[in-house]
Every structure is written in C-alpha cells, then in structure tokens.
C-alpha cells in the first residue's frame, strides 16, 4: 500500500509543476502555439516551480 501511495504522490509532484509552467507559457504566447507544442518544450518545470514558489511566498508573507 505504501508503494502505491508513494507512486501517486511522486507522479503528482513531478507532473504538477510541468502542467502549471506549460499553462503559464501557453497563456504568455496567447494561444498562438498549440498546447502540445508548448508542453514538449523545455523550461516548463522551472517556470512551474517558480510560480508555486511565488504563490507560497505571497501566502506566507500575508
């Protein structure tokens, strides 16, 4: 059971920043590039981690 829970949390924490970063980059391009193209490019995870960090800092500083 622990293995399944660990697998699920690992999958969530690996894919969530990439999805957030891809969504932000797709909005930045105003939809001129397809979502699949932006999803396959680099920097999505980094931008996702940056966005999560900024939100956490804003929430914790309030």
PDB file of N, CA and C in Angstrom:
ATOM      1  N   UNK A   1       0.809  -1.187   0.000  1.00  0.00           N
ATOM      2  CA  UNK A   1       0.000   0.000   0.000  1.00  0.00           C
ATOM      3  C   UNK A   1       0.862   1.265   0.000  1.00  0.00           C
ATOM      4  N   UNK A   2       1.945   1.241   0.756  1.00  0.00           N
ATOM      5  CA  UNK A   2       2.833   2.403   0.818  1.00  0.00           C
ATOM      6  C   UNK A   2       3.464   2.682  -0.537  1.00  0.00           C
ATOM      7  N   UNK A   3       3.740   1.652  -1.281  1.00  0.00           N
ATOM      8  CA  UNK A   3       4.361   1.818  -2.600  1.00  0.00           C
ATOM      9  C   UNK A   3       3.405   2.536  -3.549  1.00  0.00           C
ATOM     10  N   UNK A   4       2.145   2.185  -3.480  1.00  0.00           N
ATOM     11  CA  UNK A   4       1.147   2.818  -4.349  1.00  0.00           C
ATOM     12  C   UNK A   4       0.990   4.291  -3.986  1.00  0.00           C
ATOM     13  N   UNK A   5       0.918   4.597  -2.704  1.00  0.00           N
ATOM     14  CA  UNK A   5       0.780   5.987  -2.262  1.00  0.00           C
ATOM     15  C   UNK A   5       2.008   6.791  -2.658  1.00  0.00           C
ATOM     16  N   UNK A   6       3.189   6.215  -2.481  1.00  0.00           N
ATOM     17  CA  UNK A   6       4.423   6.892  -2.869  1.00  0.00           C
ATOM     18  C   UNK A   6       4.448   7.150  -4.369  1.00  0.00           C
ATOM     19  N   UNK A   7       4.010   6.195  -5.155  1.00  0.00           N
ATOM     20  CA  UNK A   7       3.982   6.354  -6.611  1.00  0.00           C
ATOM     21  C   UNK A   7       3.033   7.478  -7.027  1.00  0.00           C
ATOM     22  N   UNK A   8       1.865   7.535  -6.402  1.00  0.00           N
ATOM     23  CA  UNK A   8       0.879   8.568  -6.744  1.00  0.00           C
ATOM     24  C   UNK A   8       1.412   9.956  -6.400  1.00  0.00           C
ATOM     25  N   UNK A   9       1.961  10.130  -5.196  1.00  0.00           N
ATOM     26  CA  UNK A   9       2.490  11.430  -4.807  1.00  0.00           C
ATOM     27  C   UNK A   9       3.685  11.834  -5.662  1.00  0.00           C
ATOM     28  N   UNK A  10       4.527  10.890  -6.030  1.00  0.00           N
ATOM     29  CA  UNK A  10       5.655  11.185  -6.902  1.00  0.00           C
ATOM     30  C   UNK A  10       5.165  11.630  -8.272  1.00  0.00           C
ATOM     31  N   UNK A  11       4.167  10.968  -8.796  1.00  0.00           N
ATOM     32  CA  UNK A  11       3.624  11.340 -10.102  1.00  0.00           C
ATOM     33  C   UNK A  11       2.999  12.729 -10.051  1.00  0.00           C
ATOM     34  N   UNK A  12       2.310  13.043  -8.969  1.00  0.00           N
ATOM     35  CA  UNK A  12       1.675  14.359  -8.837  1.00  0.00           C
ATOM     36  C   UNK A  12       2.737  15.450  -8.734  1.00  0.00           C
ATOM     37  N   UNK A  13       3.740  15.252  -7.894  1.00  0.00           N
ATOM     38  CA  UNK A  13       4.749  16.286  -7.695  1.00  0.00           C
ATOM     39  C   UNK A  13       5.673  16.435  -8.894  1.00  0.00           C
ATOM     40  N   UNK A  14       5.773  15.431  -9.745  1.00  0.00           N
ATOM     41  CA  UNK A  14       6.581  15.570 -10.949  1.00  0.00           C
ATOM     42  C   UNK A  14       5.796  16.218 -12.080  1.00  0.00           C
ATOM     43  N   UNK A  15       4.507  15.956 -12.164  1.00  0.00           N
ATOM     44  CA  UNK A  15       3.736  16.467 -13.294  1.00  0.00           C
ATOM     45  C   UNK A  15       3.086  17.817 -13.020  1.00  0.00           C
ATOM     46  N   UNK A  16       2.762  18.124 -11.773  1.00  0.00           N
ATOM     47  CA  UNK A  16       2.068  19.368 -11.458  1.00  0.00           C
ATOM     48  C   UNK A  16       2.864  20.617 -11.841  1.00  0.00           C
ATOM     49  N   UNK A  17       4.154  20.722 -11.480  1.00  0.00           N
ATOM     50  CA  UNK A  17       4.898  21.919 -11.905  1.00  0.00           C
ATOM     51  C   UNK A  17       4.998  22.048 -13.419  1.00  0.00           C
ATOM     52  N   UNK A  18       5.119  20.932 -14.118  1.00  0.00           N
ATOM     53  CA  UNK A  18       5.207  20.998 -15.570  1.00  0.00           C
ATOM     54  C   UNK A  18       3.885  21.476 -16.174  1.00  0.00           C
ATOM     55  N   UNK A  19       2.770  21.018 -15.634  1.00  0.00           N
ATOM     56  CA  UNK A  19       1.468  21.463 -16.131  1.00  0.00           C
ATOM     57  C   UNK A  19       1.228  22.941 -15.848  1.00  0.00           C
ATOM     58  N   UNK A  20       1.621  23.389 -14.667  1.00  0.00           N
ATOM     59  CA  UNK A  20       1.461  24.802 -14.320  1.00  0.00           C
ATOM     60  C   UNK A  20       2.351  25.662 -15.212  1.00  0.00           C
ATOM     61  N   UNK A  21       3.596  25.255 -15.381  1.00  0.00           N
ATOM     62  CA  UNK A  21       4.515  26.002 -16.234  1.00  0.00           C
ATOM     63  C   UNK A  21       4.063  26.034 -17.681  1.00  0.00           C
ATOM     64  N   UNK A  22       3.551  24.914 -18.170  1.00  0.00           N
ATOM     65  CA  UNK A  22       3.056  24.864 -19.541  1.00  0.00           C
ATOM     66  C   UNK A  22       1.848  25.774 -19.704  1.00  0.00           C
ATOM     67  N   UNK A  23       0.964  25.769 -18.734  1.00  0.00           N
ATOM     68  CA  UNK A  23      -0.224  26.630 -18.804  1.00  0.00           C
ATOM     69  C   UNK A  23       0.162  28.106 -18.805  1.00  0.00           C
ATOM     70  N   UNK A  24       1.107  28.463 -17.964  1.00  0.00           N
ATOM     71  CA  UNK A  24       1.549  29.860 -17.920  1.00  0.00           C
ATOM     72  C   UNK A  24       2.223  30.272 -19.233  1.00  0.00           C
ATOM     73  N   UNK A  25       3.059  29.399 -19.765  1.00  0.00           N
ATOM     74  CA  UNK A  25       3.732  29.721 -21.035  1.00  0.00           C
ATOM     75  C   UNK A  25       2.736  29.780 -22.175  1.00  0.00           C
ATOM     76  N   UNK A  26       1.733  28.919 -22.179  1.00  0.00           N
ATOM     77  CA  UNK A  26       0.725  28.939 -23.242  1.00  0.00           C
ATOM     78  C   UNK A  26      -0.079  30.234 -23.169  1.00  0.00           C
ATOM     79  N   UNK A  27      -0.398  30.674 -21.967  1.00  0.00           N
ATOM     80  CA  UNK A  27      -1.087  31.966 -21.810  1.00  0.00           C
ATOM     81  C   UNK A  27      -0.187  33.116 -22.247  1.00  0.00           C
ATOM     82  N   UNK A  28       1.108  33.014 -21.976  1.00  0.00           N
ATOM     83  CA  UNK A  28       2.049  34.046 -22.388  1.00  0.00           C
ATOM     84  C   UNK A  28       2.079  34.165 -23.914  1.00  0.00           C
ATOM     85  N   UNK A  29       2.030  33.052 -24.601  1.00  0.00           N
ATOM     86  CA  UNK A  29       2.022  33.059 -26.066  1.00  0.00           C
ATOM     87  C   UNK A  29       0.635  33.374 -26.619  1.00  0.00           C
ATOM     88  N   UNK A  30      -0.340  33.598 -25.745  1.00  0.00           N
ATOM     89  CA  UNK A  30      -1.719  33.945 -26.115  1.00  0.00           C
ATOM     90  C   UNK A  30      -2.351  32.910 -27.046  1.00  0.00           C
ATOM     91  N   UNK A  31      -1.953  31.668 -26.882  1.00  0.00           N
ATOM     92  CA  UNK A  31      -2.556  30.597 -27.663  1.00  0.00           C
ATOM     93  C   UNK A  31      -2.078  30.512 -29.093  1.00  0.00           C
ATOM     94  N   UNK A  32      -1.042  31.289 -29.471  1.00  0.00           N
ATOM     95  CA  UNK A  32      -0.557  31.215 -30.849  1.00  0.00           C
ATOM     96  C   UNK A  32       0.139  29.889 -31.119  1.00  0.00           C
ATOM     97  N   UNK A  33       0.755  29.323 -30.105  1.00  0.00           N
ATOM     98  CA  UNK A  33       1.330  27.981 -30.215  1.00  0.00           C
ATOM     99  C   UNK A  33       0.338  26.997 -29.622  1.00  0.00           C
ATOM    100  N   UNK A  34       0.302  25.803 -30.156  1.00  0.00           N
ATOM    101  CA  UNK A  34      -0.607  24.810 -29.596  1.00  0.00           C
ATOM    102  C   UNK A  34      -0.094  24.359 -28.224  1.00  0.00           C
ATOM    103  N   UNK A  35      -1.014  23.885 -27.396  1.00  0.00           N
ATOM    104  CA  UNK A  35      -0.655  23.462 -26.046  1.00  0.00           C
ATOM    105  C   UNK A  35       0.330  22.295 -26.094  1.00  0.00           C
ATOM    106  N   UNK A  36       0.152  21.397 -27.059  1.00  0.00           N
ATOM    107  CA  UNK A  36       1.058  20.251 -27.186  1.00  0.00           C
ATOM    108  C   UNK A  36       2.475  20.669 -27.524  1.00  0.00           C
ATOM    109  N   UNK A  37       2.617  21.700 -28.353  1.00  0.00           N
ATOM    110  CA  UNK A  37       3.946  22.200 -28.706  1.00  0.00           C
ATOM    111  C   UNK A  37       4.623  22.813 -27.498  1.00  0.00           C
ATOM    112  N   UNK A  38       3.889  23.622 -26.758  1.00  0.00           N
ATOM    113  CA  UNK A  38       4.454  24.255 -25.565  1.00  0.00           C
ATOM    114  C   UNK A  38       4.770  23.199 -24.512  1.00  0.00           C
ATOM    115  N   UNK A  39       3.936  22.165 -24.402  1.00  0.00           N
ATOM    116  CA  UNK A  39       4.148  21.105 -23.416  1.00  0.00           C
ATOM    117  C   UNK A  39       5.441  20.343 -23.684  1.00  0.00           C
ATOM    118  N   UNK A  40       5.821  20.206 -24.952  1.00  0.00           N
ATOM    119  CA  UNK A  40       7.020  19.434 -25.285  1.00  0.00           C
ATOM    120  C   UNK A  40       8.300  20.257 -25.203  1.00  0.00           C
ATOM    121  N   UNK A  41       8.200  21.565 -25.010  1.00  0.00           N
ATOM    122  CA  UNK A  41       9.382  22.416 -24.915  1.00  0.00           C
ATOM    123  C   UNK A  41       9.971  22.376 -23.506  1.00  0.00           C
ATOM    124  N   UNK A  42      11.188  22.891 -23.384  1.00  0.00           N
ATOM    125  CA  UNK A  42      11.878  22.935 -22.089  1.00  0.00           C
ATOM    126  C   UNK A  42      11.381  24.107 -21.256  1.00  0.00           C
ATOM    127  N   UNK A  43      11.838  24.188 -20.043  1.00  0.00           N
ATOM    128  CA  UNK A  43      11.597  25.260 -19.084  1.00  0.00           C
ATOM    129  C   UNK A  43      10.234  25.203 -18.418  1.00  0.00           C
ATOM    130  N   UNK A  44       9.370  24.293 -18.773  1.00  0.00           N
ATOM    131  CA  UNK A  44       8.036  24.257 -18.173  1.00  0.00           C
ATOM    132  C   UNK A  44       8.095  23.947 -16.680  1.00  0.00           C
ATOM    133  N   UNK A  45       8.921  22.979 -16.296  1.00  0.00           N
ATOM    134  CA  UNK A  45       9.021  22.621 -14.878  1.00  0.00           C
ATOM    135  C   UNK A  45       9.602  23.762 -14.062  1.00  0.00           C
ATOM    136  N   UNK A  46      10.600  24.427 -14.605  1.00  0.00           N
ATOM    137  CA  UNK A  46      11.228  25.532 -13.876  1.00  0.00           C
ATOM    138  C   UNK A  46      10.253  26.672 -13.663  1.00  0.00           C
ATOM    139  N   UNK A  47       9.493  26.994 -14.681  1.00  0.00           N
ATOM    140  CA  UNK A  47       8.510  28.065 -14.566  1.00  0.00           C
ATOM    141  C   UNK A  47       7.406  27.656 -13.589  1.00  0.00           C
ATOM    142  N   UNK A  48       7.029  26.389 -13.602  1.00  0.00           N
ATOM    143  CA  UNK A  48       6.033  25.891 -12.654  1.00  0.00           C
ATOM    144  C   UNK A  48       6.512  25.984 -11.220  1.00  0.00           C
ATOM    145  N   UNK A  49       7.765  25.575 -10.971  1.00  0.00           N
ATOM    146  CA  UNK A  49       8.323  25.690  -9.622  1.00  0.00           C
ATOM    147  C   UNK A  49       8.415  27.149  -9.196  1.00  0.00           C
ATOM    148  N   UNK A  50       8.782  28.028 -10.124  1.00  0.00           N
ATOM    149  CA  UNK A  50       8.856  29.447  -9.810  1.00  0.00           C
ATOM    150  C   UNK A  50       7.478  29.996  -9.454  1.00  0.00           C
ATOM    151  N   UNK A  51       6.462  29.618 -10.201  1.00  0.00           N
ATOM    152  CA  UNK A  51       5.102  30.086  -9.930  1.00  0.00           C
ATOM    153  C   UNK A  51       4.613  29.577  -8.574  1.00  0.00           C
ATOM    154  N   UNK A  52       4.862  28.319  -8.279  1.00  0.00           N
ATOM    155  CA  UNK A  52       4.461  27.754  -6.979  1.00  0.00           C
ATOM    156  C   UNK A  52       5.199  28.472  -5.851  1.00  0.00           C
ATOM    157  N   UNK A  53       6.479  28.742  -6.038  1.00  0.00           N
ATOM    158  CA  UNK A  53       7.265  29.438  -5.018  1.00  0.00           C
ATOM    159  C   UNK A  53       6.739  30.846  -4.778  1.00  0.00           C
ATOM    160  N   UNK A  54       6.416  31.558  -5.849  1.00  0.00           N
ATOM    161  CA  UNK A  54       5.899  32.917  -5.706  1.00  0.00           C
ATOM    162  C   UNK A  54       4.570  32.910  -4.960  1.00  0.00           C
ATOM    163  N   UNK A  55       3.697  31.986  -5.288  1.00  0.00           N
ATOM    164  CA  UNK A  55       2.406  31.895  -4.605  1.00  0.00           C
ATOM    165  C   UNK A  55       2.605  31.575  -3.127  1.00  0.00           C
ATOM    166  N   UNK A  56       3.502  30.646  -2.820  1.00  0.00           N
ATOM    167  CA  UNK A  56       3.760  30.308  -1.413  1.00  0.00           C
ATOM    168  C   UNK A  56       4.336  31.483  -0.644  1.00  0.00           C
ATOM    169  N   UNK A  57       5.252  32.226  -1.263  1.00  0.00           N
ATOM    170  CA  UNK A  57       5.835  33.385  -0.587  1.00  0.00           C
ATOM    171  C   UNK A  57       4.775  34.439  -0.328  1.00  0.00           C
ATOM    172  N   UNK A  58       3.904  34.658  -1.293  1.00  0.00           N
ATOM    173  CA  UNK A  58       2.837  35.648  -1.110  1.00  0.00           C
ATOM    174  C   UNK A  58       1.874  35.198   0.001  1.00  0.00           C
ATOM    175  N   UNK A  59       1.524  33.922   0.008  1.00  0.00           N
ATOM    176  CA  UNK A  59       0.613  33.425   1.041  1.00  0.00           C
ATOM    177  C   UNK A  59       1.235  33.469   2.428  1.00  0.00           C
ATOM    178  N   UNK A  60       2.506  33.131   2.519  1.00  0.00           N
ATOM    179  CA  UNK A  60       3.151  33.093   3.833  1.00  0.00           C
ATOM    180  C   UNK A  60       3.508  34.474   4.355  1.00  0.00           C
ATOM    181  N   UNK A  61       3.659  35.455   3.477  1.00  0.00           N
ATOM    182  CA  UNK A  61       4.015  36.791   3.928  1.00  0.00           C
ATOM    183  C   UNK A  61       2.791  37.606   4.352  1.00  0.00           C
ATOM    184  N   UNK A  62       1.611  37.134   4.007  1.00  0.00           N
ATOM    185  CA  UNK A  62       0.397  37.890   4.354  1.00  0.00           C
ATOM    186  C   UNK A  62       0.008  37.703   5.792  1.00  0.00           C
TER     187      UNK A  62
END
